[in-house]
N, C-alpha and C. Protein backbone atom coordinates (compact mmCIF):
# COMPACT_ATOMS: atom_id res chain seq x y z
N MET A 1 71.33 92.33 181.88
CA MET A 1 70.03 92.47 182.37
C MET A 1 69.54 93.84 181.90
N GLY A 2 68.33 93.88 181.39
CA GLY A 2 67.82 95.10 180.88
C GLY A 2 67.16 95.95 181.97
N VAL A 3 66.89 97.15 181.65
CA VAL A 3 66.20 98.07 182.54
C VAL A 3 64.75 98.01 182.21
N PRO A 4 63.89 97.90 183.24
CA PRO A 4 62.47 97.84 182.90
C PRO A 4 61.99 99.06 182.16
N PHE A 5 61.12 98.86 181.21
CA PHE A 5 60.67 99.91 180.32
C PHE A 5 59.18 99.83 180.20
N ALA A 6 58.52 100.79 180.60
CA ALA A 6 57.02 100.85 180.56
C ALA A 6 56.58 101.42 179.20
N ARG A 7 55.66 100.69 178.52
CA ARG A 7 55.09 101.15 177.24
C ARG A 7 53.66 101.54 177.48
N ASP A 8 53.33 102.59 176.78
CA ASP A 8 51.88 103.03 176.77
C ASP A 8 51.22 102.28 175.65
N MET A 9 50.42 101.28 175.92
CA MET A 9 49.89 100.39 174.91
C MET A 9 48.88 101.15 174.01
N THR A 10 48.47 102.28 174.41
CA THR A 10 47.56 103.10 173.54
C THR A 10 48.33 103.71 172.45
N LYS A 11 49.68 103.85 172.58
CA LYS A 11 50.52 104.46 171.55
C LYS A 11 51.34 103.38 170.81
N TYR A 12 50.96 102.08 171.05
CA TYR A 12 51.79 100.98 170.47
C TYR A 12 51.89 101.07 168.92
N HIS A 13 50.74 101.34 168.31
CA HIS A 13 50.71 101.42 166.83
C HIS A 13 51.61 102.57 166.39
N ASP A 14 51.60 103.71 167.05
CA ASP A 14 52.47 104.83 166.65
C ASP A 14 53.92 104.54 166.82
N ASP A 15 54.26 103.81 167.90
CA ASP A 15 55.62 103.41 168.17
C ASP A 15 56.08 102.43 167.08
N PHE A 16 55.21 101.50 166.77
CA PHE A 16 55.62 100.46 165.80
C PHE A 16 55.70 100.98 164.38
N THR A 17 54.98 102.01 164.00
CA THR A 17 55.01 102.54 162.69
C THR A 17 55.78 103.92 162.63
N ASP A 18 56.46 104.25 163.71
CA ASP A 18 57.28 105.48 163.73
C ASP A 18 56.39 106.68 163.38
N GLU A 19 55.27 106.77 164.24
CA GLU A 19 54.32 107.85 164.10
C GLU A 19 53.63 107.87 162.72
N GLY A 20 53.44 106.66 162.12
CA GLY A 20 52.71 106.54 160.83
C GLY A 20 53.64 106.66 159.65
N LYS A 21 54.95 106.83 159.78
CA LYS A 21 55.84 106.93 158.69
C LYS A 21 56.06 105.62 157.94
N ILE A 22 55.98 104.48 158.69
CA ILE A 22 56.18 103.20 158.12
C ILE A 22 54.84 102.61 157.77
N LYS A 23 54.51 102.52 156.55
CA LYS A 23 53.19 102.07 156.06
C LYS A 23 53.25 100.69 155.32
N SER A 24 54.48 100.30 154.89
CA SER A 24 54.61 99.08 154.11
C SER A 24 55.94 98.41 154.30
N VAL A 25 56.07 97.27 153.77
CA VAL A 25 57.36 96.52 153.83
C VAL A 25 58.46 97.38 153.14
N LYS A 26 58.10 98.05 152.06
CA LYS A 26 59.04 98.91 151.35
C LYS A 26 59.66 99.97 152.32
N ASP A 27 58.81 100.52 153.19
CA ASP A 27 59.27 101.53 154.15
C ASP A 27 60.25 100.95 155.14
N VAL A 28 59.95 99.73 155.52
CA VAL A 28 60.81 99.00 156.47
C VAL A 28 62.19 98.75 155.87
N ILE A 29 62.19 98.26 154.62
CA ILE A 29 63.45 98.04 153.89
C ILE A 29 64.20 99.29 153.71
N GLN A 30 63.51 100.42 153.37
CA GLN A 30 64.18 101.69 153.14
C GLN A 30 64.85 102.12 154.49
N PHE A 31 64.12 101.97 155.57
CA PHE A 31 64.55 102.33 156.92
C PHE A 31 65.89 101.58 157.17
N LEU A 32 65.89 100.26 156.92
CA LEU A 32 67.08 99.44 157.13
C LEU A 32 68.22 99.88 156.21
N LEU A 33 67.97 100.17 154.93
CA LEU A 33 69.05 100.67 154.04
C LEU A 33 69.62 101.98 154.55
N ASP A 34 68.80 102.84 155.04
CA ASP A 34 69.30 104.16 155.53
C ASP A 34 70.02 104.08 156.85
N ASN A 35 69.76 103.13 157.68
CA ASN A 35 70.31 103.08 159.02
C ASN A 35 71.26 101.94 159.32
N THR A 36 71.61 101.23 158.30
CA THR A 36 72.58 100.07 158.49
C THR A 36 73.94 100.52 158.06
N THR A 37 74.97 100.36 158.90
CA THR A 37 76.29 100.67 158.56
C THR A 37 76.83 99.66 157.52
N GLY A 38 77.68 100.10 156.63
CA GLY A 38 78.24 99.20 155.66
C GLY A 38 77.44 99.15 154.36
N ILE A 39 76.26 99.76 154.30
CA ILE A 39 75.46 99.81 153.09
C ILE A 39 75.48 101.23 152.59
N GLN A 40 75.79 101.36 151.30
CA GLN A 40 75.90 102.68 150.73
C GLN A 40 74.56 103.35 150.66
N ASN A 41 74.49 104.65 150.44
CA ASN A 41 73.26 105.36 150.35
C ASN A 41 72.54 104.92 149.06
N VAL A 42 71.48 104.18 149.22
CA VAL A 42 70.73 103.61 148.03
C VAL A 42 69.27 103.69 148.35
N LYS A 43 68.45 103.91 147.34
CA LYS A 43 67.03 103.91 147.50
C LYS A 43 66.44 102.52 147.20
N TYR A 44 65.36 102.22 147.83
CA TYR A 44 64.71 100.91 147.62
C TYR A 44 64.38 100.67 146.19
N GLU A 45 63.88 101.65 145.45
CA GLU A 45 63.53 101.49 144.03
C GLU A 45 64.73 101.07 143.18
N GLU A 46 65.90 101.68 143.44
CA GLU A 46 67.10 101.32 142.69
C GLU A 46 67.56 99.88 143.05
N LEU A 47 67.53 99.52 144.24
CA LEU A 47 67.81 98.13 144.67
C LEU A 47 66.89 97.13 144.09
N ALA A 48 65.56 97.46 144.00
CA ALA A 48 64.54 96.56 143.54
C ALA A 48 64.76 96.38 142.01
N ALA A 49 65.11 97.47 141.31
CA ALA A 49 65.32 97.42 139.85
C ALA A 49 66.52 96.62 139.47
N LYS A 50 67.65 96.80 140.18
CA LYS A 50 68.91 96.16 139.84
C LYS A 50 69.04 94.80 140.46
N GLY A 51 68.34 94.52 141.54
CA GLY A 51 68.42 93.20 142.23
C GLY A 51 69.53 93.14 143.28
N PHE A 52 70.67 93.69 142.93
CA PHE A 52 71.79 93.76 143.93
C PHE A 52 72.68 94.90 143.46
N LEU A 53 73.39 95.42 144.47
CA LEU A 53 74.38 96.47 144.19
C LEU A 53 75.70 96.19 144.78
N ARG A 54 76.74 96.66 144.16
CA ARG A 54 78.11 96.48 144.68
C ARG A 54 78.32 97.63 145.67
N ASN A 55 78.82 97.31 146.87
CA ASN A 55 79.12 98.42 147.87
C ASN A 55 80.35 99.15 147.35
N LYS A 56 80.42 100.40 147.78
CA LYS A 56 81.60 101.18 147.38
C LYS A 56 82.82 100.56 148.02
N GLY A 57 83.91 100.50 147.23
CA GLY A 57 85.18 99.92 147.73
C GLY A 57 85.29 98.42 147.62
N SER A 58 84.17 97.74 147.18
CA SER A 58 84.26 96.24 147.18
C SER A 58 84.94 95.74 145.83
N GLU A 59 85.12 96.63 144.88
CA GLU A 59 85.66 96.14 143.65
C GLU A 59 87.10 95.63 143.79
N THR A 60 87.81 96.13 144.73
CA THR A 60 89.16 95.65 145.01
C THR A 60 89.30 95.12 146.43
N THR A 61 88.22 94.66 146.99
CA THR A 61 88.14 94.10 148.35
C THR A 61 88.80 94.98 149.36
N LEU A 62 89.85 94.52 150.04
CA LEU A 62 90.43 95.34 151.09
C LEU A 62 91.34 96.49 150.65
N HIS A 63 91.59 96.53 149.34
CA HIS A 63 92.59 97.49 148.89
C HIS A 63 92.01 98.84 148.41
N SER A 64 90.73 99.01 148.48
CA SER A 64 90.10 100.25 148.05
C SER A 64 90.28 101.35 149.19
N LYS A 65 90.49 102.56 148.80
CA LYS A 65 90.59 103.61 149.78
C LYS A 65 89.27 103.80 150.56
N GLU A 66 88.18 103.45 149.94
CA GLU A 66 86.88 103.54 150.67
C GLU A 66 86.76 102.45 151.70
N SER A 67 87.50 101.41 151.63
CA SER A 67 87.37 100.30 152.55
C SER A 67 87.90 100.69 153.92
N PRO A 68 87.23 100.28 154.99
CA PRO A 68 87.73 100.59 156.34
C PRO A 68 89.02 99.80 156.68
N PHE A 69 89.30 98.81 155.82
CA PHE A 69 90.53 98.00 156.10
C PHE A 69 91.71 98.43 155.22
N PHE A 70 91.57 99.56 154.59
CA PHE A 70 92.61 100.03 153.64
C PHE A 70 93.96 100.35 154.31
N SER A 71 95.02 99.93 153.71
CA SER A 71 96.36 100.20 154.28
C SER A 71 97.14 100.94 153.28
N GLU A 72 97.84 101.98 153.68
CA GLU A 72 98.62 102.76 152.74
C GLU A 72 99.75 102.01 152.14
N ILE A 73 100.24 100.96 152.78
CA ILE A 73 101.35 100.22 152.16
C ILE A 73 101.00 99.63 150.85
N TYR A 74 99.73 99.31 150.60
CA TYR A 74 99.27 98.78 149.31
C TYR A 74 99.56 99.82 148.20
N ASP A 75 99.23 101.09 148.51
CA ASP A 75 99.49 102.16 147.49
C ASP A 75 101.00 102.44 147.41
N ASN A 76 101.77 102.26 148.43
CA ASN A 76 103.13 102.47 148.36
C ASN A 76 103.84 101.51 147.31
N VAL A 77 103.27 100.33 147.25
CA VAL A 77 103.77 99.34 146.28
C VAL A 77 103.16 99.57 144.93
N ARG A 78 101.81 99.68 144.88
CA ARG A 78 101.12 99.74 143.57
C ARG A 78 101.37 101.09 142.88
N GLU A 79 101.28 102.22 143.62
CA GLU A 79 101.51 103.53 143.02
C GLU A 79 102.85 104.01 143.06
N LYS A 80 103.77 103.24 143.75
CA LYS A 80 105.18 103.56 143.83
C LYS A 80 105.32 104.91 144.64
N THR A 81 104.57 105.14 145.66
CA THR A 81 104.75 106.36 146.46
C THR A 81 105.66 106.00 147.65
N GLY A 82 106.23 107.06 148.21
CA GLY A 82 107.17 106.84 149.34
C GLY A 82 106.50 106.32 150.58
N TYR A 83 107.22 105.56 151.35
CA TYR A 83 106.74 105.07 152.64
C TYR A 83 106.85 106.15 153.67
N LYS A 84 106.13 106.07 154.76
CA LYS A 84 106.21 107.04 155.83
C LYS A 84 107.37 106.68 156.76
N THR A 85 108.60 106.75 156.17
CA THR A 85 109.78 106.53 156.95
C THR A 85 110.69 107.73 156.71
N LEU A 86 111.84 107.79 157.41
CA LEU A 86 112.74 108.87 157.28
C LEU A 86 113.22 109.09 155.84
N THR A 87 113.56 108.02 155.16
CA THR A 87 114.02 108.10 153.78
C THR A 87 113.01 107.86 152.74
N HIS A 88 111.74 107.61 153.14
CA HIS A 88 110.65 107.27 152.24
C HIS A 88 110.91 105.92 151.47
N ARG A 89 111.70 105.10 152.08
CA ARG A 89 112.01 103.76 151.58
C ARG A 89 111.78 102.75 152.70
N GLN A 90 111.75 101.43 152.26
CA GLN A 90 111.67 100.39 153.31
C GLN A 90 113.04 100.38 153.96
N GLN A 91 113.04 100.29 155.26
CA GLN A 91 114.30 100.27 155.97
C GLN A 91 114.47 98.94 156.70
N PHE A 92 115.56 98.34 156.50
CA PHE A 92 115.86 97.01 157.08
C PHE A 92 116.90 97.15 158.18
N TYR A 93 117.83 98.05 157.99
CA TYR A 93 118.91 98.19 158.94
C TYR A 93 118.52 98.96 160.20
N ILE A 94 118.72 98.41 161.39
CA ILE A 94 118.34 99.02 162.64
C ILE A 94 119.63 99.21 163.39
N ASP A 95 120.08 100.38 163.49
CA ASP A 95 121.41 100.59 164.18
C ASP A 95 121.23 100.90 165.65
N HIS A 96 120.45 100.08 166.34
CA HIS A 96 120.25 100.22 167.78
C HIS A 96 121.29 99.27 168.42
N ASP A 97 121.81 99.62 169.60
CA ASP A 97 122.78 98.80 170.28
C ASP A 97 122.36 97.34 170.45
N TRP A 98 121.10 97.15 170.83
CA TRP A 98 120.65 95.79 171.05
C TRP A 98 120.69 94.91 169.80
N PHE A 99 120.30 95.54 168.69
CA PHE A 99 120.31 94.78 167.42
C PHE A 99 121.71 94.50 166.96
N VAL A 100 122.59 95.51 167.11
CA VAL A 100 123.98 95.32 166.68
C VAL A 100 124.65 94.20 167.54
N LYS A 101 124.40 94.26 168.81
CA LYS A 101 125.01 93.34 169.78
C LYS A 101 124.71 91.89 169.40
N PHE A 102 123.44 91.61 169.01
CA PHE A 102 123.03 90.28 168.76
C PHE A 102 123.06 89.95 167.20
N ASP A 103 123.78 90.72 166.44
CA ASP A 103 123.88 90.56 164.98
C ASP A 103 122.52 90.53 164.32
N GLU A 104 121.62 91.43 164.71
CA GLU A 104 120.35 91.48 164.13
C GLU A 104 120.11 92.87 163.48
N ALA A 105 121.10 93.67 163.22
CA ALA A 105 121.01 94.93 162.62
C ALA A 105 120.39 94.83 161.21
N LEU A 106 120.77 93.79 160.52
CA LEU A 106 120.23 93.50 159.20
C LEU A 106 119.51 92.08 159.27
N PRO A 107 118.39 91.90 158.59
CA PRO A 107 117.79 90.61 158.60
C PRO A 107 118.67 89.55 157.91
N GLY A 108 118.64 88.37 158.38
CA GLY A 108 119.48 87.35 157.83
C GLY A 108 118.89 85.96 158.08
N HIS A 109 119.37 84.95 157.39
CA HIS A 109 118.86 83.60 157.56
C HIS A 109 119.28 83.00 158.88
N LYS A 110 118.44 82.30 159.56
CA LYS A 110 118.75 81.57 160.76
C LYS A 110 118.07 80.22 160.58
N ASP A 111 118.85 79.17 160.88
CA ASP A 111 118.27 77.79 160.79
C ASP A 111 117.25 77.62 161.87
N ALA A 112 116.30 76.81 161.63
CA ALA A 112 115.24 76.49 162.55
C ALA A 112 115.85 75.87 163.82
N LEU A 113 115.29 76.11 164.95
CA LEU A 113 115.77 75.56 166.18
C LEU A 113 115.39 74.13 166.21
N ILE A 114 116.31 73.22 166.62
CA ILE A 114 116.09 71.82 166.68
C ILE A 114 115.75 71.50 168.19
N ASN A 115 114.65 70.83 168.35
CA ASN A 115 114.20 70.51 169.66
C ASN A 115 114.28 68.99 169.79
N GLU A 116 115.31 68.48 170.48
CA GLU A 116 115.58 67.01 170.55
C GLU A 116 114.33 66.29 171.09
N GLY A 117 113.99 65.23 170.51
CA GLY A 117 112.92 64.39 170.97
C GLY A 117 111.54 64.76 170.44
N TYR A 118 111.47 65.85 169.70
CA TYR A 118 110.21 66.37 169.16
C TYR A 118 110.32 66.41 167.63
N PRO A 119 109.50 65.71 166.84
CA PRO A 119 109.62 65.64 165.42
C PRO A 119 109.20 66.89 164.66
N MET A 120 108.45 67.77 165.31
CA MET A 120 107.93 68.96 164.65
C MET A 120 108.75 70.19 164.94
N LYS A 121 108.93 71.10 163.97
CA LYS A 121 109.63 72.30 164.17
C LYS A 121 108.89 73.43 163.56
N MET A 122 108.88 74.59 164.18
CA MET A 122 108.15 75.68 163.66
C MET A 122 108.86 76.32 162.47
N LEU A 123 108.10 76.67 161.42
CA LEU A 123 108.69 77.22 160.29
C LEU A 123 108.64 78.77 160.27
N MET A 124 107.78 79.35 161.04
CA MET A 124 107.64 80.78 161.06
C MET A 124 107.13 81.29 162.40
N GLY A 125 107.37 82.50 162.72
CA GLY A 125 106.98 83.02 164.02
C GLY A 125 105.50 83.41 164.15
N HIS A 126 104.72 83.28 163.07
CA HIS A 126 103.38 83.70 163.12
C HIS A 126 102.49 82.44 163.13
N ALA A 127 102.82 81.48 163.95
CA ALA A 127 102.05 80.30 163.97
C ALA A 127 100.62 80.51 164.40
N ARG A 128 100.38 81.41 165.31
CA ARG A 128 99.03 81.64 165.76
C ARG A 128 98.09 82.13 164.68
N GLN A 129 98.61 83.06 163.86
CA GLN A 129 97.78 83.58 162.74
C GLN A 129 97.60 82.54 161.75
N VAL A 130 98.63 81.76 161.39
CA VAL A 130 98.53 80.74 160.38
C VAL A 130 97.56 79.68 160.85
N SER A 131 97.65 79.30 162.10
CA SER A 131 96.81 78.30 162.68
C SER A 131 95.36 78.67 162.56
N THR A 132 95.12 79.96 162.87
CA THR A 132 93.76 80.40 162.76
C THR A 132 93.27 80.45 161.30
N ALA A 133 94.11 80.91 160.41
CA ALA A 133 93.69 81.05 159.04
C ALA A 133 93.49 79.66 158.30
N CYS A 134 94.43 78.76 158.63
CA CYS A 134 94.37 77.46 157.85
C CYS A 134 93.64 76.40 158.64
N GLY A 135 93.49 76.60 159.96
CA GLY A 135 92.85 75.52 160.74
C GLY A 135 93.87 74.50 161.20
N VAL A 136 95.10 74.71 160.94
CA VAL A 136 96.15 73.77 161.31
C VAL A 136 97.40 74.53 161.69
N MET A 137 98.28 73.94 162.48
CA MET A 137 99.60 74.55 162.71
C MET A 137 100.57 74.03 161.71
N ILE A 138 101.10 74.89 160.93
CA ILE A 138 101.97 74.39 159.88
C ILE A 138 103.33 73.95 160.51
N ALA A 139 103.72 72.79 160.18
CA ALA A 139 104.92 72.24 160.77
C ALA A 139 105.57 71.34 159.78
N SER A 140 106.87 71.20 159.86
CA SER A 140 107.53 70.23 158.98
C SER A 140 108.03 69.07 159.89
N PHE A 141 108.09 67.88 159.32
CA PHE A 141 108.59 66.69 160.06
C PHE A 141 110.08 66.49 159.72
N SER A 142 110.86 66.23 160.78
CA SER A 142 112.31 66.00 160.53
C SER A 142 112.40 64.67 159.77
N ALA A 143 111.54 63.72 160.01
CA ALA A 143 111.53 62.47 159.20
C ALA A 143 110.23 62.46 158.41
N TYR A 144 110.26 63.18 157.33
CA TYR A 144 109.04 63.40 156.54
C TYR A 144 108.74 62.24 155.59
N LYS A 145 107.66 61.52 155.86
CA LYS A 145 107.35 60.36 155.01
C LYS A 145 105.83 60.48 154.74
N GLU A 146 105.44 60.04 153.58
CA GLU A 146 104.03 60.07 153.19
C GLU A 146 103.20 59.28 154.17
N GLU A 147 103.71 58.06 154.63
CA GLU A 147 102.88 57.27 155.53
C GLU A 147 102.60 57.97 156.84
N SER A 148 103.47 58.88 157.28
CA SER A 148 103.26 59.53 158.51
C SER A 148 102.14 60.53 158.43
N LEU A 149 101.72 60.82 157.22
CA LEU A 149 100.62 61.80 156.99
C LEU A 149 99.23 61.12 156.86
N MET A 150 99.19 59.81 156.89
CA MET A 150 97.91 59.13 156.69
C MET A 150 96.80 59.58 157.64
N SER A 151 97.19 59.88 158.86
CA SER A 151 96.14 60.18 159.84
C SER A 151 95.74 61.71 159.73
N MET A 152 96.47 62.49 158.90
CA MET A 152 96.17 63.91 158.79
C MET A 152 95.03 64.12 157.79
N SER A 153 94.39 65.30 157.92
CA SER A 153 93.32 65.68 156.98
C SER A 153 93.97 65.97 155.63
N ILE A 154 93.15 65.96 154.59
CA ILE A 154 93.62 66.31 153.26
C ILE A 154 94.18 67.73 153.21
N GLN A 155 93.56 68.68 153.92
CA GLN A 155 94.00 70.13 153.93
C GLN A 155 95.39 70.17 154.48
N LYS A 156 95.62 69.49 155.64
CA LYS A 156 96.98 69.51 156.23
C LYS A 156 97.99 68.92 155.30
N MET A 157 97.65 67.80 154.63
CA MET A 157 98.58 67.17 153.71
C MET A 157 98.95 68.07 152.61
N GLN A 158 97.92 68.80 152.02
CA GLN A 158 98.24 69.70 150.91
C GLN A 158 99.11 70.85 151.31
N ILE A 159 98.90 71.36 152.52
CA ILE A 159 99.75 72.45 153.02
C ILE A 159 101.20 71.95 153.18
N LEU A 160 101.36 70.81 153.80
CA LEU A 160 102.73 70.21 153.97
C LEU A 160 103.41 69.94 152.69
N ARG A 161 102.63 69.46 151.70
CA ARG A 161 103.22 69.18 150.36
C ARG A 161 103.75 70.52 149.75
N VAL A 162 102.94 71.51 149.83
CA VAL A 162 103.35 72.84 149.25
C VAL A 162 104.54 73.33 149.92
N LEU A 163 104.64 73.16 151.31
CA LEU A 163 105.84 73.66 152.04
C LEU A 163 107.07 72.84 151.60
N ARG A 164 106.87 71.53 151.40
CA ARG A 164 107.97 70.72 151.03
C ARG A 164 108.51 71.05 149.65
N MET A 165 107.54 71.38 148.70
CA MET A 165 108.00 71.76 147.36
C MET A 165 108.70 73.11 147.38
N ALA A 166 108.26 73.97 148.27
CA ALA A 166 108.88 75.34 148.38
C ALA A 166 110.28 75.31 148.95
N SER A 167 110.56 74.30 149.78
CA SER A 167 111.90 74.26 150.38
C SER A 167 112.89 73.54 149.61
């Protein structure tokens, strides 16, 4: 709910034109270019001449240092710089008592859990993210047959085929 705001209608034109600074559509567009986050510092004339401009950092999408989504791990791999760890390397061994006790100090293969009476099993622990990204929950069938996929969408079938080929 908003707070009541009284306007002086005798100054409406001045408010609408920012005290006369906005005289044309070009001025409105320049105001938007100057005050919109995510748009680089560009003048209306340059944009009108070129038609469109690439934003800074968009040439490599998320991997540019100018991007707000930049992660240093990309440069660690691409530029071969050290990681921010004690040894400047990727570390897999965790010598904590809990991890040692449960034989988890080093990563290793573990078979998928079998849930009796249920034909689907989870292939990875990030099912929520995968489900959001793909629109489906990726699962494998213990009795995998093409006819069991007939009721699935084409997208789900393609994902399951790729998973079957990869395994």
